[in-house]
Amino acid sequence: MRRRALVVESVIKPDASSRSAVAGSAPAYAELYCRSSFSFGAGASQPEELVARAHALGYAALALTDECSVAGMVRAHVEAK
């Protein structure tokens, strides 16, 4: 059985105060494989927590790759705004 992951990208705009000295000198980073609790059995974090952590780390974007559902994207999108 072949599984497919739905990939949706939410752009996160980190402010200067959320970046560490190391992250500020590094190029923009985007996590392209991230599963939330909406991927049953594969992820444990809520979408809001993932977006908040990505923002704190200074990520330029986060791709939420939940399997068989895009339900977590609504929460991730609201948090990213």
Protein backbone atom coordinates (compact mmCIF):
# COMPACT_ATOMS: atom_id res chain seq x y z
CA MET A 1 0.00 0.00 0.00
CA ARG A 2 1.42 3.33 -1.02
CA ARG A 3 1.02 6.27 1.37
CA ARG A 4 0.84 9.87 0.34
CA ALA A 5 1.60 12.88 2.47
CA LEU A 6 -0.21 16.14 1.88
CA VAL A 7 2.31 18.97 1.86
CA VAL A 8 1.12 22.46 2.65
CA GLU A 9 3.49 25.31 3.46
CA SER A 10 2.75 28.06 5.95
CA VAL A 11 5.07 31.04 5.76
CA ILE A 12 6.32 32.21 9.13
CA LYS A 13 7.79 35.68 9.47
CA PRO A 14 10.16 35.63 12.45
CA ASP A 15 11.03 38.92 14.06
CA ALA A 16 14.58 39.88 14.94
CA SER A 17 14.06 39.31 18.67
CA SER A 18 13.10 35.64 18.18
CA ARG A 19 16.33 34.72 16.41
CA SER A 20 19.39 33.58 18.26
CA ALA A 21 22.86 34.77 17.33
CA VAL A 22 23.51 31.52 15.48
CA ALA A 23 20.17 31.54 13.60
CA GLY A 24 20.66 35.18 12.63
CA SER A 25 23.86 34.36 10.75
CA ALA A 26 22.51 31.17 9.15
CA PRO A 27 20.61 31.16 5.86
CA ALA A 28 16.82 30.94 5.94
CA TYR A 29 15.63 27.44 6.86
CA ALA A 30 12.37 25.68 6.07
CA GLU A 31 11.42 22.34 7.62
CA LEU A 32 9.99 20.23 4.80
CA TYR A 33 8.94 17.14 6.78
CA CYS A 34 6.85 17.81 9.85
CA ARG A 35 3.98 15.70 11.20
CA SER A 36 1.40 16.90 13.73
CA SER A 37 -0.98 14.96 15.94
CA PHE A 38 -3.35 14.84 12.95
CA SER A 39 -1.11 12.12 11.46
CA PHE A 40 -2.45 9.40 13.69
CA GLY A 41 0.36 7.35 15.20
CA ALA A 42 3.12 9.38 13.51
CA GLY A 43 3.09 12.79 15.21
CA ALA A 44 2.53 13.98 18.76
CA SER A 45 2.65 17.81 18.65
CA GLN A 46 -0.31 20.08 18.00
CA PRO A 47 -0.01 22.23 14.85
CA GLU A 48 -0.03 25.41 16.95
CA GLU A 49 2.95 24.15 18.96
CA LEU A 50 4.89 23.30 15.79
CA VAL A 51 4.35 26.77 14.30
CA ALA A 52 5.25 28.51 17.57
CA ARG A 53 8.47 26.49 17.86
CA ALA A 54 9.40 27.11 14.23
CA HIS A 55 8.89 30.84 14.83
CA ALA A 56 11.05 30.73 17.97
CA LEU A 57 13.83 28.98 16.04
CA GLY A 58 13.69 31.56 13.24
CA TYR A 59 12.49 29.20 10.48
CA ALA A 60 11.44 30.93 7.25
CA ALA A 61 8.66 28.36 6.63
CA LEU A 62 7.21 25.10 7.86
CA ALA A 63 5.69 22.36 5.68
CA LEU A 64 3.08 20.37 7.59
CA THR A 65 3.12 16.90 5.99
CA ASP A 66 0.28 15.11 7.76
CA GLU A 67 -0.90 11.88 6.16
CA CYS A 68 -4.49 11.40 4.98
CA SER A 69 -5.72 14.72 6.42
CA VAL A 70 -5.33 18.46 6.05
CA ALA A 71 -7.28 19.17 9.25
CA GLY A 72 -4.20 20.47 11.09
CA MET A 73 -3.53 23.14 8.45
CA VAL A 74 -6.38 25.35 9.70
CA ARG A 75 -4.86 25.52 13.18
CA ALA A 76 -1.34 25.97 11.79
CA HIS A 77 -2.46 28.75 9.48
CA VAL A 78 -4.25 30.64 12.26
CA GLU A 79 -1.19 30.35 14.51
CA ALA A 80 1.15 31.50 11.71
CA LYS A 81 -0.80 34.71 11.25
